[in-house]
Amino acid sequence: MEKSVVVTSWKYDVSSRYLKIFYNNGSGELYHPVPEFIYDNLLRSTDKTAFVQKYLEFDLHFKRLQISASS
């Protein structure tokens, strides 16, 4: 059985509109440009992982880069 990856933390910069998402497996992703209302909705979400998958991973308006957890 494959272990699921879960969002563990996040950082957002309002001025640059960069959103960093970190996962329990040590990986991370950087999204840009993310409007503040998307970040606010992430904070209100009860399931951060589902929110990221639904609204960030499959949205063609955001650029996504893989980053290391030490970034």
PDB file of N, CA and C in Angstrom:
ATOM      1  N   MET A   1       0.837  -1.181   0.000  1.00  0.00           N
ATOM      2  CA  MET A   1       0.000   0.000   0.000  1.00  0.00           C
ATOM      3  C   MET A   1       0.884   1.247   0.000  1.00  0.00           C
ATOM      4  N   GLU A   2       0.574   2.178  -0.883  1.00  0.00           N
ATOM      5  CA  GLU A   2       1.368   3.396  -1.016  1.00  0.00           C
ATOM      6  C   GLU A   2       1.011   4.384   0.094  1.00  0.00           C
ATOM      7  N   LYS A   3       2.037   4.983   0.696  1.00  0.00           N
ATOM      8  CA  LYS A   3       1.823   5.965   1.750  1.00  0.00           C
ATOM      9  C   LYS A   3       1.402   7.288   1.118  1.00  0.00           C
ATOM     10  N   SER A   4       0.360   7.891   1.656  1.00  0.00           N
ATOM     11  CA  SER A   4      -0.131   9.138   1.067  1.00  0.00           C
ATOM     12  C   SER A   4       0.722  10.323   1.509  1.00  0.00           C
ATOM     13  N   VAL A   5       0.813  11.292   0.634  1.00  0.00           N
ATOM     14  CA  VAL A   5       1.565  12.514   0.898  1.00  0.00           C
ATOM     15  C   VAL A   5       0.587  13.556   1.422  1.00  0.00           C
ATOM     16  N   VAL A   6       0.963  14.202   2.529  1.00  0.00           N
ATOM     17  CA  VAL A   6       0.080  15.142   3.207  1.00  0.00           C
ATOM     18  C   VAL A   6       0.782  16.492   3.356  1.00  0.00           C
ATOM     19  N   VAL A   7       0.032  17.567   3.173  1.00  0.00           N
ATOM     20  CA  VAL A   7       0.555  18.919   3.393  1.00  0.00           C
ATOM     21  C   VAL A   7       0.823  19.098   4.886  1.00  0.00           C
ATOM     22  N   THR A   8       2.038  19.532   5.221  1.00  0.00           N
ATOM     23  CA  THR A   8       2.386  19.735   6.626  1.00  0.00           C
ATOM     24  C   THR A   8       2.582  21.200   6.991  1.00  0.00           C
ATOM     25  N   SER A   9       2.999  22.016   6.016  1.00  0.00           N
ATOM     26  CA  SER A   9       3.188  23.441   6.297  1.00  0.00           C
ATOM     27  C   SER A   9       3.181  24.232   5.002  1.00  0.00           C
ATOM     28  N   TRP A  10       3.123  25.548   5.159  1.00  0.00           N
ATOM     29  CA  TRP A  10       3.053  26.426   4.001  1.00  0.00           C
ATOM     30  C   TRP A  10       3.566  27.800   4.394  1.00  0.00           C
ATOM     31  N   LYS A  11       4.022  28.540   3.401  1.00  0.00           N
ATOM     32  CA  LYS A  11       4.480  29.925   3.586  1.00  0.00           C
ATOM     33  C   LYS A  11       3.969  30.728   2.403  1.00  0.00           C
ATOM     34  N   TYR A  12       3.508  31.938   2.677  1.00  0.00           N
ATOM     35  CA  TYR A  12       2.989  32.793   1.611  1.00  0.00           C
ATOM     36  C   TYR A  12       3.590  34.178   1.745  1.00  0.00           C
ATOM     37  N   ASP A  13       3.988  34.758   0.619  1.00  0.00           N
ATOM     38  CA  ASP A  13       4.491  36.130   0.581  1.00  0.00           C
ATOM     39  C   ASP A  13       3.501  36.967  -0.211  1.00  0.00           C
ATOM     40  N   VAL A  14       2.833  37.885   0.481  1.00  0.00           N
ATOM     41  CA  VAL A  14       1.787  38.701  -0.144  1.00  0.00           C
ATOM     42  C   VAL A  14       2.345  39.559  -1.269  1.00  0.00           C
ATOM     43  N   SER A  15       3.503  40.172  -1.059  1.00  0.00           N
ATOM     44  CA  SER A  15       4.034  41.098  -2.063  1.00  0.00           C
ATOM     45  C   SER A  15       4.483  40.391  -3.342  1.00  0.00           C
ATOM     46  N   SER A  16       5.094  39.214  -3.215  1.00  0.00           N
ATOM     47  CA  SER A  16       5.566  38.499  -4.409  1.00  0.00           C
ATOM     48  C   SER A  16       4.543  37.497  -4.938  1.00  0.00           C
ATOM     49  N   ARG A  17       3.561  37.142  -4.105  1.00  0.00           N
ATOM     50  CA  ARG A  17       2.502  36.169  -4.430  1.00  0.00           C
ATOM     51  C   ARG A  17       3.056  34.759  -4.649  1.00  0.00           C
ATOM     52  N   TYR A  18       4.155  34.452  -3.942  1.00  0.00           N
ATOM     53  CA  TYR A  18       4.710  33.098  -3.953  1.00  0.00           C
ATOM     54  C   TYR A  18       4.124  32.304  -2.790  1.00  0.00           C
ATOM     55  N   LEU A  19       3.698  31.080  -3.073  1.00  0.00           N
ATOM     56  CA  LEU A  19       3.175  30.178  -2.052  1.00  0.00           C
ATOM     57  C   LEU A  19       4.020  28.912  -2.056  1.00  0.00           C
ATOM     58  N   LYS A  20       4.638  28.610  -0.907  1.00  0.00           N
ATOM     59  CA  LYS A  20       5.408  27.375  -0.752  1.00  0.00           C
ATOM     60  C   LYS A  20       4.562  26.386   0.031  1.00  0.00           C
ATOM     61  N   ILE A  21       4.484  25.158  -0.481  1.00  0.00           N
ATOM     62  CA  ILE A  21       3.754  24.080   0.175  1.00  0.00           C
ATOM     63  C   ILE A  21       4.754  22.969   0.486  1.00  0.00           C
ATOM     64  N   PHE A  22       4.761  22.491   1.737  1.00  0.00           N
ATOM     65  CA  PHE A  22       5.669  21.423   2.152  1.00  0.00           C
ATOM     66  C   PHE A  22       4.870  20.191   2.550  1.00  0.00           C
ATOM     67  N   TYR A  23       5.435  19.011   2.256  1.00  0.00           N
ATOM     68  CA  TYR A  23       4.750  17.736   2.475  1.00  0.00           C
ATOM     69  C   TYR A  23       5.480  16.877   3.503  1.00  0.00           C
ATOM     70  N   ASN A  24       4.773  15.886   4.036  1.00  0.00           N
ATOM     71  CA  ASN A  24       5.322  15.007   5.070  1.00  0.00           C
ATOM     72  C   ASN A  24       6.475  14.129   4.575  1.00  0.00           C
ATOM     73  N   ASN A  25       6.666  14.009   3.280  1.00  0.00           N
ATOM     74  CA  ASN A  25       7.776  13.205   2.748  1.00  0.00           C
ATOM     75  C   ASN A  25       9.037  14.043   2.504  1.00  0.00           C
ATOM     76  N   GLY A  26       9.009  15.315   2.921  1.00  0.00           N
ATOM     77  CA  GLY A  26      10.169  16.181   2.770  1.00  0.00           C
ATOM     78  C   GLY A  26      10.198  16.982   1.490  1.00  0.00           C
ATOM     79  N   SER A  27       9.270  16.733   0.587  1.00  0.00           N
ATOM     80  CA  SER A  27       9.233  17.479  -0.672  1.00  0.00           C
ATOM     81  C   SER A  27       8.455  18.778  -0.490  1.00  0.00           C
ATOM     82  N   GLY A  28       8.577  19.630  -1.475  1.00  0.00           N
ATOM     83  CA  GLY A  28       7.853  20.888  -1.449  1.00  0.00           C
ATOM     84  C   GLY A  28       7.604  21.389  -2.850  1.00  0.00           C
ATOM     85  N   GLU A  29       6.699  22.342  -2.955  1.00  0.00           N
ATOM     86  CA  GLU A  29       6.373  22.945  -4.244  1.00  0.00           C
ATOM     87  C   GLU A  29       6.208  24.446  -4.059  1.00  0.00           C
ATOM     88  N   LEU A  30       6.574  25.174  -5.091  1.00  0.00           N
ATOM     89  CA  LEU A  30       6.447  26.624  -5.099  1.00  0.00           C
ATOM     90  C   LEU A  30       5.468  26.998  -6.197  1.00  0.00           C
ATOM     91  N   TYR A  31       4.439  27.749  -5.837  1.00  0.00           N
ATOM     92  CA  TYR A  31       3.423  28.180  -6.801  1.00  0.00           C
ATOM     93  C   TYR A  31       3.482  29.694  -6.960  1.00  0.00           C
ATOM     94  N   HIS A  32       3.248  30.158  -8.209  1.00  0.00           N
ATOM     95  CA  HIS A  32       3.275  31.592  -8.494  1.00  0.00           C
ATOM     96  C   HIS A  32       2.522  31.866  -9.775  1.00  0.00           C
ATOM     97  N   PRO A  33       1.832  32.938  -9.931  1.00  0.00           N
ATOM     98  CA  PRO A  33       1.404  33.896  -8.916  1.00  0.00           C
ATOM     99  C   PRO A  33       0.111  33.412  -8.252  1.00  0.00           C
ATOM    100  N   VAL A  34       0.081  33.433  -6.943  1.00  0.00           N
ATOM    101  CA  VAL A  34      -1.093  32.985  -6.191  1.00  0.00           C
ATOM    102  C   VAL A  34      -1.748  34.203  -5.546  1.00  0.00           C
ATOM    103  N   PRO A  35      -2.982  34.516  -5.935  1.00  0.00           N
ATOM    104  CA  PRO A  35      -3.680  35.653  -5.327  1.00  0.00           C
ATOM    105  C   PRO A  35      -3.914  35.415  -3.833  1.00  0.00           C
ATOM    106  N   GLU A  36      -3.991  36.490  -3.084  1.00  0.00           N
ATOM    107  CA  GLU A  36      -4.169  36.385  -1.637  1.00  0.00           C
ATOM    108  C   GLU A  36      -5.456  35.649  -1.268  1.00  0.00           C
ATOM    109  N   PHE A  37      -6.513  35.799  -2.067  1.00  0.00           N
ATOM    110  CA  PHE A  37      -7.771  35.127  -1.723  1.00  0.00           C
ATOM    111  C   PHE A  37      -7.635  33.603  -1.803  1.00  0.00           C
ATOM    112  N   ILE A  38      -6.763  33.103  -2.676  1.00  0.00           N
ATOM    113  CA  ILE A  38      -6.519  31.657  -2.738  1.00  0.00           C
ATOM    114  C   ILE A  38      -5.822  31.207  -1.454  1.00  0.00           C
ATOM    115  N   TYR A  39      -4.839  31.980  -1.006  1.00  0.00           N
ATOM    116  CA  TYR A  39      -4.156  31.659   0.248  1.00  0.00           C
ATOM    117  C   TYR A  39      -5.129  31.704   1.419  1.00  0.00           C
ATOM    118  N   ASP A  40      -5.979  32.715   1.462  1.00  0.00           N
ATOM    119  CA  ASP A  40      -6.982  32.811   2.530  1.00  0.00           C
ATOM    120  C   ASP A  40      -7.895  31.589   2.537  1.00  0.00           C
ATOM    121  N   ASN A  41      -8.281  31.132   1.350  1.00  0.00           N
ATOM    122  CA  ASN A  41      -9.124  29.938   1.258  1.00  0.00           C
ATOM    123  C   ASN A  41      -8.370  28.687   1.716  1.00  0.00           C
ATOM    124  N   LEU A  42      -7.079  28.619   1.429  1.00  0.00           N
ATOM    125  CA  LEU A  42      -6.267  27.511   1.927  1.00  0.00           C
ATOM    126  C   LEU A  42      -6.286  27.491   3.451  1.00  0.00           C
ATOM    127  N   LEU A  43      -6.122  28.651   4.067  1.00  0.00           N
ATOM    128  CA  LEU A  43      -6.118  28.728   5.527  1.00  0.00           C
ATOM    129  C   LEU A  43      -7.447  28.278   6.118  1.00  0.00           C
ATOM    130  N   ARG A  44      -8.547  28.588   5.448  1.00  0.00           N
ATOM    131  CA  ARG A  44      -9.880  28.207   5.936  1.00  0.00           C
ATOM    132  C   ARG A  44     -10.212  26.743   5.662  1.00  0.00           C
ATOM    133  N   SER A  45      -9.501  26.131   4.755  1.00  0.00           N
ATOM    134  CA  SER A  45      -9.780  24.748   4.361  1.00  0.00           C
ATOM    135  C   SER A  45      -9.464  23.779   5.501  1.00  0.00           C
ATOM    136  N   THR A  46     -10.334  22.784   5.686  1.00  0.00           N
ATOM    137  CA  THR A  46     -10.086  21.766   6.712  1.00  0.00           C
ATOM    138  C   THR A  46      -9.158  20.668   6.205  1.00  0.00           C
ATOM    139  N   ASP A  47      -9.086  20.478   4.901  1.00  0.00           N
ATOM    140  CA  ASP A  47      -8.207  19.472   4.298  1.00  0.00           C
ATOM    141  C   ASP A  47      -7.255  20.179   3.332  1.00  0.00           C
ATOM    142  N   LYS A  48      -6.095  20.562   3.849  1.00  0.00           N
ATOM    143  CA  LYS A  48      -5.125  21.330   3.064  1.00  0.00           C
ATOM    144  C   LYS A  48      -4.640  20.549   1.834  1.00  0.00           C
ATOM    145  N   THR A  49      -4.427  19.251   1.987  1.00  0.00           N
ATOM    146  CA  THR A  49      -3.941  18.433   0.877  1.00  0.00           C
ATOM    147  C   THR A  49      -4.949  18.407  -0.259  1.00  0.00           C
ATOM    148  N   ALA A  50      -6.215  18.199   0.066  1.00  0.00           N
ATOM    149  CA  ALA A  50      -7.266  18.184  -0.962  1.00  0.00           C
ATOM    150  C   ALA A  50      -7.383  19.547  -1.625  1.00  0.00           C
ATOM    151  N   PHE A  51      -7.249  20.618  -0.855  1.00  0.00           N
ATOM    152  CA  PHE A  51      -7.320  21.967  -1.413  1.00  0.00           C
ATOM    153  C   PHE A  51      -6.193  22.182  -2.419  1.00  0.00           C
ATOM    154  N   VAL A  52      -4.967  21.815  -2.042  1.00  0.00           N
ATOM    155  CA  VAL A  52      -3.819  21.985  -2.938  1.00  0.00           C
ATOM    156  C   VAL A  52      -4.024  21.182  -4.215  1.00  0.00           C
ATOM    157  N   GLN A  53      -4.465  19.940  -4.079  1.00  0.00           N
ATOM    158  CA  GLN A  53      -4.685  19.106  -5.262  1.00  0.00           C
ATOM    159  C   GLN A  53      -5.761  19.691  -6.163  1.00  0.00           C
ATOM    160  N   LYS A  54      -6.835  20.164  -5.587  1.00  0.00           N
ATOM    161  CA  LYS A  54      -7.964  20.645  -6.392  1.00  0.00           C
ATOM    162  C   LYS A  54      -7.720  22.024  -6.998  1.00  0.00           C
ATOM    163  N   TYR A  55      -7.163  22.954  -6.211  1.00  0.00           N
ATOM    164  CA  TYR A  55      -7.096  24.342  -6.663  1.00  0.00           C
ATOM    165  C   TYR A  55      -5.722  24.808  -7.122  1.00  0.00           C
ATOM    166  N   LEU A  56      -4.663  24.097  -6.787  1.00  0.00           N
ATOM    167  CA  LEU A  56      -3.327  24.536  -7.193  1.00  0.00           C
ATOM    168  C   LEU A  56      -2.666  23.592  -8.191  1.00  0.00           C
ATOM    169  N   GLU A  57      -2.660  22.295  -7.914  1.00  0.00           N
ATOM    170  CA  GLU A  57      -1.948  21.352  -8.785  1.00  0.00           C
ATOM    171  C   GLU A  57      -2.519  21.296 -10.196  1.00  0.00           C
ATOM    172  N   PHE A  58      -3.821  21.446 -10.331  1.00  0.00           N
ATOM    173  CA  PHE A  58      -4.443  21.278 -11.642  1.00  0.00           C
ATOM    174  C   PHE A  58      -4.869  22.595 -12.280  1.00  0.00           C
ATOM    175  N   ASP A  59      -4.479  23.712 -11.680  1.00  0.00           N
ATOM    176  CA  ASP A  59      -4.817  25.021 -12.229  1.00  0.00           C
ATOM    177  C   ASP A  59      -3.701  25.463 -13.162  1.00  0.00           C
ATOM    178  N   LEU A  60      -4.049  25.718 -14.401  1.00  0.00           N
ATOM    179  CA  LEU A  60      -3.046  26.083 -15.398  1.00  0.00           C
ATOM    180  C   LEU A  60      -2.548  27.519 -15.262  1.00  0.00           C
ATOM    181  N   HIS A  61      -3.135  28.300 -14.361  1.00  0.00           N
ATOM    182  CA  HIS A  61      -2.732  29.696 -14.199  1.00  0.00           C
ATOM    183  C   HIS A  61      -1.527  29.863 -13.275  1.00  0.00           C
ATOM    184  N   PHE A  62      -1.146  28.802 -12.560  1.00  0.00           N
ATOM    185  CA  PHE A  62      -0.028  28.888 -11.626  1.00  0.00           C
ATOM    186  C   PHE A  62       1.164  28.104 -12.159  1.00  0.00           C
ATOM    187  N   LYS A  63       2.345  28.688 -11.996  1.00  0.00           N
ATOM    188  CA  LYS A  63       3.573  27.947 -12.292  1.00  0.00           C
ATOM    189  C   LYS A  63       3.915  27.148 -11.046  1.00  0.00           C
ATOM    190  N   ARG A  64       4.394  25.909 -11.233  1.00  0.00           N
ATOM    191  CA  ARG A  64       4.736  25.052 -10.103  1.00  0.00           C
ATOM    192  C   ARG A  64       6.153  24.538 -10.262  1.00  0.00           C
ATOM    193  N   LEU A  65       6.952  24.682  -9.216  1.00  0.00           N
ATOM    194  CA  LEU A  65       8.323  24.181  -9.193  1.00  0.00           C
ATOM    195  C   LEU A  65       8.503  23.271  -7.992  1.00  0.00           C
ATOM    196  N   GLN A  66       9.250  22.181  -8.169  1.00  0.00           N
ATOM    197  CA  GLN A  66       9.606  21.308  -7.052  1.00  0.00           C
ATOM    198  C   GLN A  66      10.736  21.985  -6.284  1.00  0.00           C
ATOM    199  N   ILE A  67      10.646  21.986  -4.949  1.00  0.00           N
ATOM    200  CA  ILE A  67      11.685  22.586  -4.110  1.00  0.00           C
ATOM    201  C   ILE A  67      12.038  21.610  -2.998  1.00  0.00           C
ATOM    202  N   SER A  68      13.190  21.833  -2.388  1.00  0.00           N
ATOM    203  CA  SER A  68      13.568  21.001  -1.247  1.00  0.00           C
ATOM    204  C   SER A  68      12.970  21.603   0.012  1.00  0.00           C
ATOM    205  N   ALA A  69      12.752  20.792   1.016  1.00  0.00           N
ATOM    206  CA  ALA A  69      12.124  21.242   2.259  1.00  0.00           C
ATOM    207  C   ALA A  69      12.992  22.233   3.015  1.00  0.00           C
ATOM    208  N   SER A  70      14.260  22.316   2.705  1.00  0.00           N
ATOM    209  CA  SER A  70      15.153  23.244   3.396  1.00  0.00           C
ATOM    210  C   SER A  70      15.078  24.658   2.833  1.00  0.00           C
ATOM    211  N   SER A  71      14.295  24.879   1.776  1.00  0.00           N
ATOM    212  CA  SER A  71      14.192  26.209   1.154  1.00  0.00           C
ATOM    213  C   SER A  71      13.409  27.166   2.016  1.00  0.00           C
TER     214      SER A  71
END
